[in-house]
């Protein structure tokens, strides 16, 4: 994935604000788990992890989507899985369904 100059600048600015030692510390050498809802915030976080992987060789996270069965959101789920599979083919997406 190629990141635009603007995206590079935004991510590097964020790393600088948080502090490079904090973002790039050794714990990030371990694989993270990312709860992915398909919303803008979790999509941005997933892109940030991909940026960290490409630029700093931090492992890609495992991506999980949890369906609480609160509403019928099959279309949204299909879009989520399409987004993951087309942009991050090396990720494993697991879907869990919570039932009482």
Protein backbone atom coordinates (compact mmCIF):
# COMPACT_ATOMS: atom_id res chain seq x y z
CA UNK A 1 0.00 0.00 0.00
CA UNK A 2 1.36 3.40 -0.96
CA UNK A 3 0.66 6.25 1.44
CA UNK A 4 0.36 9.80 0.16
CA UNK A 5 2.70 12.51 1.36
CA UNK A 6 -0.15 14.01 3.37
CA UNK A 7 -0.89 10.72 5.16
CA UNK A 8 2.83 10.26 5.89
CA UNK A 9 2.97 13.73 7.40
CA UNK A 10 -0.14 13.17 9.53
CA UNK A 11 1.09 9.83 10.89
CA UNK A 12 4.62 11.13 11.53
CA UNK A 13 3.18 14.21 13.26
CA UNK A 14 1.10 11.96 15.49
CA UNK A 15 4.14 9.79 16.30
CA UNK A 16 6.09 12.94 17.21
CA UNK A 17 3.27 14.26 19.43
CA UNK A 18 2.90 10.98 21.30
CA UNK A 19 6.64 10.53 21.39
CA UNK A 20 8.64 8.21 19.20
CA UNK A 21 9.86 6.09 22.11
CA UNK A 22 6.25 5.58 23.20
CA UNK A 23 4.96 4.59 19.79
CA UNK A 24 7.97 2.64 18.60
CA UNK A 25 8.84 0.85 21.87
CA UNK A 26 9.65 -2.83 22.01
CA UNK A 27 6.09 -3.88 22.95
CA UNK A 28 5.08 -3.03 19.39
CA UNK A 29 7.37 -5.83 18.27
CA UNK A 30 4.58 -8.14 19.40
CA UNK A 31 1.46 -8.61 17.35
CA UNK A 32 -1.47 -6.41 18.41
CA UNK A 33 -5.16 -7.26 18.31
CA UNK A 34 -7.35 -4.63 16.70
CA UNK A 35 -11.11 -4.55 17.28
CA UNK A 36 -12.42 -3.38 13.94
CA UNK A 37 -15.96 -2.06 13.61
CA UNK A 38 -15.67 -0.72 10.08
CA UNK A 39 -16.11 2.85 11.26
CA UNK A 40 -13.81 5.73 10.41
CA UNK A 41 -11.86 5.57 13.67
CA UNK A 42 -11.05 1.85 13.50
CA UNK A 43 -10.31 2.14 9.75
CA UNK A 44 -7.83 4.92 10.47
CA UNK A 45 -6.25 2.87 13.25
CA UNK A 46 -5.88 -0.08 10.87
CA UNK A 47 -4.24 2.19 8.29
CA UNK A 48 -1.92 3.53 10.99
CA UNK A 49 -0.83 -0.01 11.90
CA UNK A 50 -0.18 -0.72 8.22
CA UNK A 51 1.91 2.46 8.07
CA UNK A 52 3.88 1.34 11.15
CA UNK A 53 4.41 -2.05 9.56
CA UNK A 54 5.68 -0.63 6.28
CA UNK A 55 7.87 2.10 7.74
CA UNK A 56 9.03 0.62 11.05
CA UNK A 57 8.49 -3.16 10.52
CA UNK A 58 6.00 -3.40 13.37
CA UNK A 59 3.89 -6.57 12.92
CA UNK A 60 0.46 -6.22 11.36
CA UNK A 61 -2.32 -6.71 13.90
CA UNK A 62 -4.84 -9.50 14.01
CA UNK A 63 -8.19 -7.94 13.19
CA UNK A 64 -11.36 -8.98 14.99
CA UNK A 65 -14.93 -7.98 14.31
CA UNK A 66 -17.53 -8.71 17.00
CA UNK A 67 -21.19 -8.90 16.08
CA UNK A 68 -23.44 -8.39 19.11
CA UNK A 69 -26.58 -9.25 17.09
CA UNK A 70 -28.15 -5.95 18.19
CA UNK A 71 -29.34 -5.17 14.67
CA UNK A 72 -29.22 -6.73 11.23
CA UNK A 73 -26.03 -5.33 9.73
CA UNK A 74 -25.12 -7.95 7.13
CA UNK A 75 -24.44 -5.28 4.48
CA UNK A 76 -22.09 -3.43 6.81
CA UNK A 77 -20.26 -6.65 7.68
CA UNK A 78 -19.83 -7.51 4.01
CA UNK A 79 -18.31 -4.06 3.43
CA UNK A 80 -15.98 -4.53 6.41
CA UNK A 81 -14.69 -7.87 5.13
CA UNK A 82 -14.35 -6.50 1.61
CA UNK A 83 -12.31 -3.56 2.95
CA UNK A 84 -10.01 -5.84 4.93
CA UNK A 85 -9.51 -8.42 2.20
CA UNK A 86 -8.82 -5.92 -0.59
CA UNK A 87 -6.49 -3.62 1.33
CA UNK A 88 -4.93 -5.93 3.90
CA UNK A 89 -4.87 -9.43 2.39
CA UNK A 90 -2.38 -10.72 4.98
CA UNK A 91 -4.68 -10.00 7.92
CA UNK A 92 -6.81 -12.63 9.52
CA UNK A 93 -10.32 -11.43 10.27
CA UNK A 94 -12.29 -13.41 12.82
CA UNK A 95 -15.91 -12.79 13.54
CA UNK A 96 -17.43 -13.79 16.85
CA UNK A 97 -21.12 -13.67 17.59
CA UNK A 98 -22.19 -13.03 21.16
CA UNK A 99 -25.33 -14.87 22.14
CA UNK A 100 -27.01 -14.98 25.55
